[in-house]
Amino acid sequence: MTYTQLAILSVFLVLLIDYLVLRTRLTTRKGFWTAYSIILFFQLITNWWLTSRGILTYNESVIIGLRIASAPVEDLFFGFSMVTLTMSLWIYWGRRGVQRD
């Protein structure tokens, strides 16, 4: 499986988990997109820094080839998946009263 396929699969699975399992429907909220845009800005800076210096490299045969801030566009898919799942779980557990004492 290529990096691109894994990235797309991660988005699909996270959206299924959000909508059908956790039922938070986070991506339908304006507040989510506002928070995500702030996170995305910092993700792009971090991706640029890591990839432009050669700290992270990618096999060109397993990515689409489109880059944003010198990182493969697939990184944005993975970032979206990580942020969305984390926020969905936070809301889900918060609704159930799970909190640190």
PDB file of N, CA and C in Angstrom:
ATOM      1  N   MET A   1       0.845  -1.174   0.000  1.00  0.00           N
ATOM      2  CA  MET A   1       0.000   0.000   0.000  1.00  0.00           C
ATOM      3  C   MET A   1       0.891   1.238   0.000  1.00  0.00           C
ATOM      4  N   THR A   2       0.564   2.223  -0.808  1.00  0.00           N
ATOM      5  CA  THR A   2       1.384   3.431  -0.892  1.00  0.00           C
ATOM      6  C   THR A   2       1.031   4.414   0.221  1.00  0.00           C
ATOM      7  N   TYR A   3       1.911   5.375   0.395  1.00  0.00           N
ATOM      8  CA  TYR A   3       1.692   6.429   1.382  1.00  0.00           C
ATOM      9  C   TYR A   3       0.398   7.174   1.078  1.00  0.00           C
ATOM     10  N   THR A   4       0.147   7.402  -0.202  1.00  0.00           N
ATOM     11  CA  THR A   4      -1.074   8.091  -0.627  1.00  0.00           C
ATOM     12  C   THR A   4      -2.311   7.288  -0.245  1.00  0.00           C
ATOM     13  N   GLN A   5      -2.301   6.009  -0.514  1.00  0.00           N
ATOM     14  CA  GLN A   5      -3.448   5.160  -0.179  1.00  0.00           C
ATOM     15  C   GLN A   5      -3.682   5.125   1.331  1.00  0.00           C
ATOM     16  N   LEU A   6      -2.613   5.025   2.102  1.00  0.00           N
ATOM     17  CA  LEU A   6      -2.754   5.024   3.560  1.00  0.00           C
ATOM     18  C   LEU A   6      -3.318   6.352   4.067  1.00  0.00           C
ATOM     19  N   ALA A   7      -2.865   7.446   3.476  1.00  0.00           N
ATOM     20  CA  ALA A   7      -3.339   8.770   3.894  1.00  0.00           C
ATOM     21  C   ALA A   7      -4.834   8.923   3.629  1.00  0.00           C
ATOM     22  N   ILE A   8      -5.264   8.520   2.446  1.00  0.00           N
ATOM     23  CA  ILE A   8      -6.688   8.614   2.098  1.00  0.00           C
ATOM     24  C   ILE A   8      -7.516   7.673   2.965  1.00  0.00           C
ATOM     25  N   LEU A   9      -7.002   6.467   3.191  1.00  0.00           N
ATOM     26  CA  LEU A   9      -7.700   5.501   4.052  1.00  0.00           C
ATOM     27  C   LEU A   9      -7.839   6.045   5.470  1.00  0.00           C
ATOM     28  N   SER A  10      -6.812   6.725   5.967  1.00  0.00           N
ATOM     29  CA  SER A  10      -6.889   7.262   7.330  1.00  0.00           C
ATOM     30  C   SER A  10      -8.001   8.302   7.449  1.00  0.00           C
ATOM     31  N   VAL A  11      -8.144   9.162   6.456  1.00  0.00           N
ATOM     32  CA  VAL A  11      -9.213  10.169   6.478  1.00  0.00           C
ATOM     33  C   VAL A  11     -10.572   9.486   6.456  1.00  0.00           C
ATOM     34  N   PHE A  12     -10.734   8.523   5.584  1.00  0.00           N
ATOM     35  CA  PHE A  12     -11.996   7.795   5.468  1.00  0.00           C
ATOM     36  C   PHE A  12     -12.359   7.102   6.790  1.00  0.00           C
ATOM     37  N   LEU A  13     -11.395   6.412   7.392  1.00  0.00           N
ATOM     38  CA  LEU A  13     -11.665   5.698   8.646  1.00  0.00           C
ATOM     39  C   LEU A  13     -11.994   6.656   9.790  1.00  0.00           C
ATOM     40  N   VAL A  14     -11.271   7.755   9.879  1.00  0.00           N
ATOM     41  CA  VAL A  14     -11.527   8.722  10.952  1.00  0.00           C
ATOM     42  C   VAL A  14     -12.918   9.338  10.796  1.00  0.00           C
ATOM     43  N   LEU A  15     -13.316   9.647   9.578  1.00  0.00           N
ATOM     44  CA  LEU A  15     -14.657  10.201   9.364  1.00  0.00           C
ATOM     45  C   LEU A  15     -15.730   9.177   9.724  1.00  0.00           C
ATOM     46  N   LEU A  16     -15.500   7.916   9.391  1.00  0.00           N
ATOM     47  CA  LEU A  16     -16.450   6.861   9.786  1.00  0.00           C
ATOM     48  C   LEU A  16     -16.539   6.747  11.303  1.00  0.00           C
ATOM     49  N   ILE A  17     -15.389   6.766  11.953  1.00  0.00           N
ATOM     50  CA  ILE A  17     -15.375   6.677  13.423  1.00  0.00           C
ATOM     51  C   ILE A  17     -16.093   7.871  14.025  1.00  0.00           C
ATOM     52  N   ASP A  18     -15.821   9.060  13.505  1.00  0.00           N
ATOM     53  CA  ASP A  18     -16.443  10.279  14.027  1.00  0.00           C
ATOM     54  C   ASP A  18     -17.961  10.250  13.844  1.00  0.00           C
ATOM     55  N   TYR A  19     -18.415   9.868  12.671  1.00  0.00           N
ATOM     56  CA  TYR A  19     -19.852   9.928  12.372  1.00  0.00           C
ATOM     57  C   TYR A  19     -20.635   8.731  12.903  1.00  0.00           C
ATOM     58  N   LEU A  20     -20.072   7.533  12.787  1.00  0.00           N
ATOM     59  CA  LEU A  20     -20.851   6.331  13.100  1.00  0.00           C
ATOM     60  C   LEU A  20     -20.563   5.710  14.464  1.00  0.00           C
ATOM     61  N   VAL A  21     -19.334   5.824  14.939  1.00  0.00           N
ATOM     62  CA  VAL A  21     -18.979   5.187  16.212  1.00  0.00           C
ATOM     63  C   VAL A  21     -19.103   6.185  17.366  1.00  0.00           C
ATOM     64  N   LEU A  22     -18.385   7.280  17.275  1.00  0.00           N
ATOM     65  CA  LEU A  22     -18.393   8.272  18.359  1.00  0.00           C
ATOM     66  C   LEU A  22     -19.582   9.218  18.272  1.00  0.00           C
ATOM     67  N   ARG A  23     -20.098   9.402  17.083  1.00  0.00           N
ATOM     68  CA  ARG A  23     -21.258  10.246  16.806  1.00  0.00           C
ATOM     69  C   ARG A  23     -21.095  11.691  17.280  1.00  0.00           C
ATOM     70  N   THR A  24     -19.887  12.212  17.128  1.00  0.00           N
ATOM     71  CA  THR A  24     -19.671  13.606  17.507  1.00  0.00           C
ATOM     72  C   THR A  24     -19.945  14.550  16.336  1.00  0.00           C
ATOM     73  N   ARG A  25     -19.872  14.049  15.128  1.00  0.00           N
ATOM     74  CA  ARG A  25     -20.085  14.835  13.902  1.00  0.00           C
ATOM     75  C   ARG A  25     -19.283  16.142  13.947  1.00  0.00           C
ATOM     76  N   LEU A  26     -18.060  15.991  14.339  1.00  0.00           N
ATOM     77  CA  LEU A  26     -17.175  17.132  14.555  1.00  0.00           C
ATOM     78  C   LEU A  26     -16.983  17.977  13.304  1.00  0.00           C
ATOM     79  N   THR A  27     -16.860  17.351  12.153  1.00  0.00           N
ATOM     80  CA  THR A  27     -16.565  18.102  10.931  1.00  0.00           C
ATOM     81  C   THR A  27     -17.742  18.928  10.425  1.00  0.00           C
ATOM     82  N   THR A  28     -18.882  18.832  11.078  1.00  0.00           N
ATOM     83  CA  THR A  28     -20.035  19.662  10.695  1.00  0.00           C
ATOM     84  C   THR A  28     -20.065  20.977  11.477  1.00  0.00           C
ATOM     85  N   ARG A  29     -19.099  21.153  12.372  1.00  0.00           N
ATOM     86  CA  ARG A  29     -19.088  22.336  13.244  1.00  0.00           C
ATOM     87  C   ARG A  29     -18.119  23.407  12.752  1.00  0.00           C
ATOM     88  N   LYS A  30     -18.573  24.627  12.763  1.00  0.00           N
ATOM     89  CA  LYS A  30     -17.730  25.750  12.354  1.00  0.00           C
ATOM     90  C   LYS A  30     -16.502  25.876  13.261  1.00  0.00           C
ATOM     91  N   GLY A  31     -16.700  25.631  14.554  1.00  0.00           N
ATOM     92  CA  GLY A  31     -15.602  25.720  15.511  1.00  0.00           C
ATOM     93  C   GLY A  31     -14.468  24.754  15.201  1.00  0.00           C
ATOM     94  N   PHE A  32     -14.819  23.580  14.705  1.00  0.00           N
ATOM     95  CA  PHE A  32     -13.785  22.610  14.330  1.00  0.00           C
ATOM     96  C   PHE A  32     -12.921  23.175  13.212  1.00  0.00           C
ATOM     97  N   TRP A  33     -13.552  23.722  12.180  1.00  0.00           N
ATOM     98  CA  TRP A  33     -12.805  24.225  11.023  1.00  0.00           C
ATOM     99  C   TRP A  33     -11.967  25.440  11.393  1.00  0.00           C
ATOM    100  N   THR A  34     -12.431  26.230  12.331  1.00  0.00           N
ATOM    101  CA  THR A  34     -11.629  27.362  12.806  1.00  0.00           C
ATOM    102  C   THR A  34     -10.383  26.845  13.531  1.00  0.00           C
ATOM    103  N   ALA A  35     -10.586  25.905  14.444  1.00  0.00           N
ATOM    104  CA  ALA A  35      -9.452  25.326  15.170  1.00  0.00           C
ATOM    105  C   ALA A  35      -8.504  24.599  14.221  1.00  0.00           C
ATOM    106  N   TYR A  36      -9.078  23.869  13.274  1.00  0.00           N
ATOM    107  CA  TYR A  36      -8.243  23.110  12.346  1.00  0.00           C
ATOM    108  C   TYR A  36      -7.397  24.045  11.477  1.00  0.00           C
ATOM    109  N   SER A  37      -7.941  25.181  11.079  1.00  0.00           N
ATOM    110  CA  SER A  37      -7.164  26.110  10.250  1.00  0.00           C
ATOM    111  C   SER A  37      -5.956  26.647  11.007  1.00  0.00           C
ATOM    112  N   ILE A  38      -6.098  26.856  12.297  1.00  0.00           N
ATOM    113  CA  ILE A  38      -4.964  27.297  13.120  1.00  0.00           C
ATOM    114  C   ILE A  38      -3.926  26.183  13.206  1.00  0.00           C
ATOM    115  N   ILE A  39      -4.381  24.974  13.452  1.00  0.00           N
ATOM    116  CA  ILE A  39      -3.479  23.825  13.535  1.00  0.00           C
ATOM    117  C   ILE A  39      -2.785  23.596  12.204  1.00  0.00           C
ATOM    118  N   LEU A  40      -3.530  23.725  11.106  1.00  0.00           N
ATOM    119  CA  LEU A  40      -2.976  23.519   9.767  1.00  0.00           C
ATOM    120  C   LEU A  40      -1.830  24.489   9.486  1.00  0.00           C
ATOM    121  N   PHE A  41      -1.987  25.721   9.890  1.00  0.00           N
ATOM    122  CA  PHE A  41      -0.927  26.716   9.706  1.00  0.00           C
ATOM    123  C   PHE A  41       0.380  26.232  10.331  1.00  0.00           C
ATOM    124  N   PHE A  42       0.305  25.756  11.571  1.00  0.00           N
ATOM    125  CA  PHE A  42       1.511  25.292  12.260  1.00  0.00           C
ATOM    126  C   PHE A  42       2.011  23.960  11.689  1.00  0.00           C
ATOM    127  N   GLN A  43       1.113  23.133  11.197  1.00  0.00           N
ATOM    128  CA  GLN A  43       1.533  21.889  10.555  1.00  0.00           C
ATOM    129  C   GLN A  43       2.353  22.200   9.298  1.00  0.00           C
ATOM    130  N   LEU A  44       1.909  23.175   8.524  1.00  0.00           N
ATOM    131  CA  LEU A  44       2.631  23.541   7.307  1.00  0.00           C
ATOM    132  C   LEU A  44       4.025  24.077   7.628  1.00  0.00           C
ATOM    133  N   ILE A  45       4.134  24.872   8.669  1.00  0.00           N
ATOM    134  CA  ILE A  45       5.455  25.377   9.074  1.00  0.00           C
ATOM    135  C   ILE A  45       6.355  24.224   9.501  1.00  0.00           C
ATOM    136  N   THR A  46       5.830  23.334  10.310  1.00  0.00           N
ATOM    137  CA  THR A  46       6.612  22.195  10.784  1.00  0.00           C
ATOM    138  C   THR A  46       7.006  21.283   9.634  1.00  0.00           C
ATOM    139  N   ASN A  47       6.060  20.971   8.750  1.00  0.00           N
ATOM    140  CA  ASN A  47       6.371  20.128   7.595  1.00  0.00           C
ATOM    141  C   ASN A  47       7.446  20.757   6.724  1.00  0.00           C
ATOM    142  N   TRP A  48       7.323  22.046   6.480  1.00  0.00           N
ATOM    143  CA  TRP A  48       8.323  22.741   5.673  1.00  0.00           C
ATOM    144  C   TRP A  48       9.700  22.618   6.307  1.00  0.00           C
ATOM    145  N   TRP A  49       9.778  22.872   7.602  1.00  0.00           N
ATOM    146  CA  TRP A  49      11.064  22.848   8.288  1.00  0.00           C
ATOM    147  C   TRP A  49      11.695  21.455   8.224  1.00  0.00           C
ATOM    148  N   LEU A  50      10.907  20.421   8.472  1.00  0.00           N
ATOM    149  CA  LEU A  50      11.445  19.058   8.488  1.00  0.00           C
ATOM    150  C   LEU A  50      11.845  18.564   7.102  1.00  0.00           C
ATOM    151  N   THR A  51      11.042  18.868   6.100  1.00  0.00           N
ATOM    152  CA  THR A  51      11.329  18.341   4.762  1.00  0.00           C
ATOM    153  C   THR A  51      12.347  19.187   4.001  1.00  0.00           C
ATOM    154  N   SER A  52      12.342  20.479   4.182  1.00  0.00           N
ATOM    155  CA  SER A  52      13.281  21.331   3.442  1.00  0.00           C
ATOM    156  C   SER A  52      14.720  21.141   3.916  1.00  0.00           C
ATOM    157  N   ARG A  53      14.900  20.640   5.112  1.00  0.00           N
ATOM    158  CA  ARG A  53      16.231  20.389   5.644  1.00  0.00           C
ATOM    159  C   ARG A  53      16.666  18.936   5.476  1.00  0.00           C
ATOM    160  N   GLY A  54      15.815  18.126   4.886  1.00  0.00           N
ATOM    161  CA  GLY A  54      16.162  16.723   4.659  1.00  0.00           C
ATOM    162  C   GLY A  54      16.061  15.847   5.889  1.00  0.00           C
ATOM    163  N   ILE A  55      15.449  16.369   6.944  1.00  0.00           N
ATOM    164  CA  ILE A  55      15.259  15.564   8.149  1.00  0.00           C
ATOM    165  C   ILE A  55      14.289  14.430   7.855  1.00  0.00           C
ATOM    166  N   LEU A  56      13.243  14.746   7.091  1.00  0.00           N
ATOM    167  CA  LEU A  56      12.301  13.738   6.601  1.00  0.00           C
ATOM    168  C   LEU A  56      12.391  13.698   5.084  1.00  0.00           C
ATOM    169  N   THR A  57      12.455  12.496   4.547  1.00  0.00           N
ATOM    170  CA  THR A  57      12.437  12.328   3.102  1.00  0.00           C
ATOM    171  C   THR A  57      11.380  11.300   2.743  1.00  0.00           C
ATOM    172  N   TYR A  58      10.927  11.344   1.511  1.00  0.00           N
ATOM    173  CA  TYR A  58       9.862  10.462   1.050  1.00  0.00           C
ATOM    174  C   TYR A  58      10.280   9.792  -0.242  1.00  0.00           C
ATOM    175  N   ASN A  59       9.920   8.542  -0.370  1.00  0.00           N
ATOM    176  CA  ASN A  59      10.146   7.810  -1.612  1.00  0.00           C
ATOM    177  C   ASN A  59       9.149   8.339  -2.635  1.00  0.00           C
ATOM    178  N   GLU A  60       9.647   8.945  -3.681  1.00  0.00           N
ATOM    179  CA  GLU A  60       8.786   9.590  -4.673  1.00  0.00           C
ATOM    180  C   GLU A  60       7.837   8.612  -5.362  1.00  0.00           C
ATOM    181  N   SER A  61       8.148   7.329  -5.340  1.00  0.00           N
ATOM    182  CA  SER A  61       7.293   6.356  -6.030  1.00  0.00           C
ATOM    183  C   SER A  61       6.030   5.999  -5.248  1.00  0.00           C
ATOM    184  N   VAL A  62       5.936   6.423  -3.995  1.00  0.00           N
ATOM    185  CA  VAL A  62       4.759   6.074  -3.183  1.00  0.00           C
ATOM    186  C   VAL A  62       3.908   7.282  -2.796  1.00  0.00           C
ATOM    187  N   ILE A  63       4.234   8.444  -3.367  1.00  0.00           N
ATOM    188  CA  ILE A  63       3.434   9.647  -3.114  1.00  0.00           C
ATOM    189  C   ILE A  63       2.950  10.212  -4.441  1.00  0.00           C
ATOM    190  N   ILE A  64       1.944  11.077  -4.364  1.00  0.00           N
ATOM    191  CA  ILE A  64       1.401  11.704  -5.566  1.00  0.00           C
ATOM    192  C   ILE A  64       2.453  12.575  -6.243  1.00  0.00           C
ATOM    193  N   GLY A  65       3.242  13.268  -5.456  1.00  0.00           N
ATOM    194  CA  GLY A  65       4.264  14.162  -5.983  1.00  0.00           C
ATOM    195  C   GLY A  65       3.939  15.626  -5.754  1.00  0.00           C
ATOM    196  N   LEU A  66       2.675  15.937  -5.477  1.00  0.00           N
ATOM    197  CA  LEU A  66       2.276  17.309  -5.175  1.00  0.00           C
ATOM    198  C   LEU A  66       2.761  17.654  -3.772  1.00  0.00           C
ATOM    199  N   ARG A  67       3.457  18.778  -3.675  1.00  0.00           N
ATOM    200  CA  ARG A  67       3.994  19.192  -2.378  1.00  0.00           C
ATOM    201  C   ARG A  67       3.449  20.555  -1.984  1.00  0.00           C
ATOM    202  N   ILE A  68       3.222  20.706  -0.700  1.00  0.00           N
ATOM    203  CA  ILE A  68       2.806  21.984  -0.129  1.00  0.00           C
ATOM    204  C   ILE A  68       3.788  22.287   0.993  1.00  0.00           C
ATOM    205  N   ALA A  69       4.418  23.443   0.921  1.00  0.00           N
ATOM    206  CA  ALA A  69       5.454  23.808   1.895  1.00  0.00           C
ATOM    207  C   ALA A  69       6.532  22.736   1.946  1.00  0.00           C
ATOM    208  N   SER A  70       6.907  22.230   0.798  1.00  0.00           N
ATOM    209  CA  SER A  70       7.952  21.228   0.546  1.00  0.00           C
ATOM    210  C   SER A  70       7.646  19.830   1.095  1.00  0.00           C
ATOM    211  N   ALA A  71       6.475  19.618   1.659  1.00  0.00           N
ATOM    212  CA  ALA A  71       6.080  18.297   2.157  1.00  0.00           C
ATOM    213  C   ALA A  71       4.992  17.721   1.246  1.00  0.00           C
ATOM    214  N   PRO A  72       4.930  16.406   1.139  1.00  0.00           N
ATOM    215  CA  PRO A  72       3.880  15.799   0.307  1.00  0.00           C
ATOM    216  C   PRO A  72       2.488  16.171   0.818  1.00  0.00           C
ATOM    217  N   VAL A  73       1.573  16.369  -0.094  1.00  0.00           N
ATOM    218  CA  VAL A  73       0.206  16.728   0.259  1.00  0.00           C
ATOM    219  C   VAL A  73      -0.422  15.656   1.161  1.00  0.00           C
ATOM    220  N   GLU A  74       0.054  14.440   1.042  1.00  0.00           N
ATOM    221  CA  GLU A  74      -0.467  13.353   1.882  1.00  0.00           C
ATOM    222  C   GLU A  74      -0.283  13.634   3.369  1.00  0.00           C
ATOM    223  N   ASP A  75       0.749  14.390   3.714  1.00  0.00           N
ATOM    224  CA  ASP A  75       0.954  14.744   5.131  1.00  0.00           C
ATOM    225  C   ASP A  75      -0.229  15.524   5.687  1.00  0.00           C
ATOM    226  N   LEU A  76      -0.870  16.316   4.841  1.00  0.00           N
ATOM    227  CA  LEU A  76      -2.052  17.060   5.296  1.00  0.00           C
ATOM    228  C   LEU A  76      -3.200  16.107   5.613  1.00  0.00           C
ATOM    229  N   PHE A  77      -3.315  15.041   4.849  1.00  0.00           N
ATOM    230  CA  PHE A  77      -4.357  14.044   5.127  1.00  0.00           C
ATOM    231  C   PHE A  77      -4.113  13.372   6.473  1.00  0.00           C
ATOM    232  N   PHE A  78      -2.876  12.963   6.718  1.00  0.00           N
ATOM    233  CA  PHE A  78      -2.558  12.341   8.002  1.00  0.00           C
ATOM    234  C   PHE A  78      -2.751  13.318   9.154  1.00  0.00           C
ATOM    235  N   GLY A  79      -2.342  14.564   8.957  1.00  0.00           N
ATOM    236  CA  GLY A  79      -2.538  15.578   9.994  1.00  0.00           C
ATOM    237  C   GLY A  79      -4.006  15.778  10.308  1.00  0.00           C
ATOM    238  N   PHE A  80      -4.824  15.855   9.255  1.00  0.00           N
ATOM    239  CA  PHE A  80      -6.267  15.986   9.442  1.00  0.00           C
ATOM    240  C   PHE A  80      -6.807  14.804  10.247  1.00  0.00           C
ATOM    241  N   SER A  81      -6.374  13.601   9.901  1.00  0.00           N
ATOM    242  CA  SER A  81      -6.850  12.404  10.594  1.00  0.00           C
ATOM    243  C   SER A  81      -6.476  12.418  12.071  1.00  0.00           C
ATOM    244  N   MET A  82      -5.227  12.779  12.357  1.00  0.00           N
ATOM    245  CA  MET A  82      -4.781  12.787  13.754  1.00  0.00           C
ATOM    246  C   MET A  82      -5.538  13.821  14.582  1.00  0.00           C
ATOM    247  N   VAL A  83      -5.675  15.025  14.037  1.00  0.00           N
ATOM    248  CA  VAL A  83      -6.358  16.100  14.758  1.00  0.00           C
ATOM    249  C   VAL A  83      -7.835  15.765  14.949  1.00  0.00           C
ATOM    250  N   THR A  84      -8.480  15.309  13.911  1.00  0.00           N
ATOM    251  CA  THR A  84      -9.911  15.019  13.974  1.00  0.00           C
ATOM    252  C   THR A  84     -10.205  13.893  14.954  1.00  0.00           C
ATOM    253  N   LEU A  85      -9.428  12.817  14.890  1.00  0.00           N
ATOM    254  CA  LEU A  85      -9.666  11.704  15.811  1.00  0.00           C
ATOM    255  C   LEU A  85      -9.425  12.124  17.253  1.00  0.00           C
ATOM    256  N   THR A  86      -8.371  12.881  17.486  1.00  0.00           N
ATOM    257  CA  THR A  86      -8.074  13.342  18.850  1.00  0.00           C
ATOM    258  C   THR A  86      -9.200  14.209  19.390  1.00  0.00           C
ATOM    259  N   MET A  87      -9.666  15.151  18.594  1.00  0.00           N
ATOM    260  CA  MET A  87     -10.742  16.041  19.052  1.00  0.00           C
ATOM    261  C   MET A  87     -12.059  15.276  19.217  1.00  0.00           C
ATOM    262  N   SER A  88     -12.338  14.334  18.340  1.00  0.00           N
ATOM    263  CA  SER A  88     -13.563  13.535  18.454  1.00  0.00           C
ATOM    264  C   SER A  88     -13.559  12.709  19.734  1.00  0.00           C
ATOM    265  N   LEU A  89     -12.421  12.098  20.033  1.00  0.00           N
ATOM    266  CA  LEU A  89     -12.325  11.312  21.267  1.00  0.00           C
ATOM    267  C   LEU A  89     -12.445  12.211  22.493  1.00  0.00           C
ATOM    268  N   TRP A  90     -11.862  13.392  22.431  1.00  0.00           N
ATOM    269  CA  TRP A  90     -11.950  14.349  23.543  1.00  0.00           C
ATOM    270  C   TRP A  90     -13.410  14.686  23.839  1.00  0.00           C
ATOM    271  N   ILE A  91     -14.174  14.978  22.791  1.00  0.00           N
ATOM    272  CA  ILE A  91     -15.598  15.298  22.955  1.00  0.00           C
ATOM    273  C   ILE A  91     -16.369  14.085  23.438  1.00  0.00           C
ATOM    274  N   TYR A  92     -16.119  12.947  22.836  1.00  0.00           N
ATOM    275  CA  TYR A  92     -16.808  11.702  23.197  1.00  0.00           C
ATOM    276  C   TYR A  92     -16.603  11.381  24.676  1.00  0.00           C
ATOM    277  N   TRP A  93     -15.347  11.392  25.118  1.00  0.00           N
ATOM    278  CA  TRP A  93     -15.068  11.078  26.522  1.00  0.00           C
ATOM    279  C   TRP A  93     -15.588  12.164  27.453  1.00  0.00           C
ATOM    280  N   GLY A  94     -15.548  13.401  27.017  1.00  0.00           N
ATOM    281  CA  GLY A  94     -16.071  14.498  27.834  1.00  0.00           C
ATOM    282  C   GLY A  94     -17.568  14.359  28.072  1.00  0.00           C
ATOM    283  N   ARG A  95     -18.280  13.914  27.054  1.00  0.00           N
ATOM    284  CA  ARG A  95     -19.732  13.696  27.202  1.00  0.00           C
ATOM    285  C   ARG A  95     -20.032  12.579  28.194  1.00  0.00           C
ATOM    286  N   ARG A  96     -19.107  11.688  28.345  1.00  0.00           N
ATOM    287  CA  ARG A  96     -19.294  10.547  29.252  1.00  0.00           C
ATOM    288  C   ARG A  96     -18.697  10.780  30.628  1.00  0.00           C
ATOM    289  N   GLY A  97     -18.229  11.986  30.858  1.00  0.00           N
ATOM    290  CA  GLY A  97     -17.715  12.344  32.182  1.00  0.00           C
ATOM    291  C   GLY A  97     -16.336  11.819  32.473  1.00  0.00           C
ATOM    292  N   VAL A  98     -15.599  11.397  31.462  1.00  0.00           N
ATOM    293  CA  VAL A  98     -14.240  10.918  31.680  1.00  0.00           C
ATOM    294  C   VAL A  98     -13.346  12.136  31.784  1.00  0.00           C
ATOM    295  N   GLN A  99     -12.725  12.266  32.949  1.00  0.00           N
ATOM    296  CA  GLN A  99     -11.837  13.399  33.170  1.00  0.00           C
ATOM    297  C   GLN A  99     -10.793  13.045  34.206  1.00  0.00           C
ATOM    298  N   ARG A 100      -9.737  13.801  34.185  1.00  0.00           N
ATOM    299  CA  ARG A 100      -8.672  13.595  35.163  1.00  0.00           C
ATOM    300  C   ARG A 100      -9.073  14.207  36.493  1.00  0.00           C
ATOM    301  N   ASP A 101      -8.790  13.526  37.571  1.00  0.00           N
ATOM    302  CA  ASP A 101      -9.074  14.066  38.913  1.00  0.00           C
ATOM    303  C   ASP A 101      -7.911  14.848  39.449  1.00  0.00           C
TER     304      ASP A 101
END
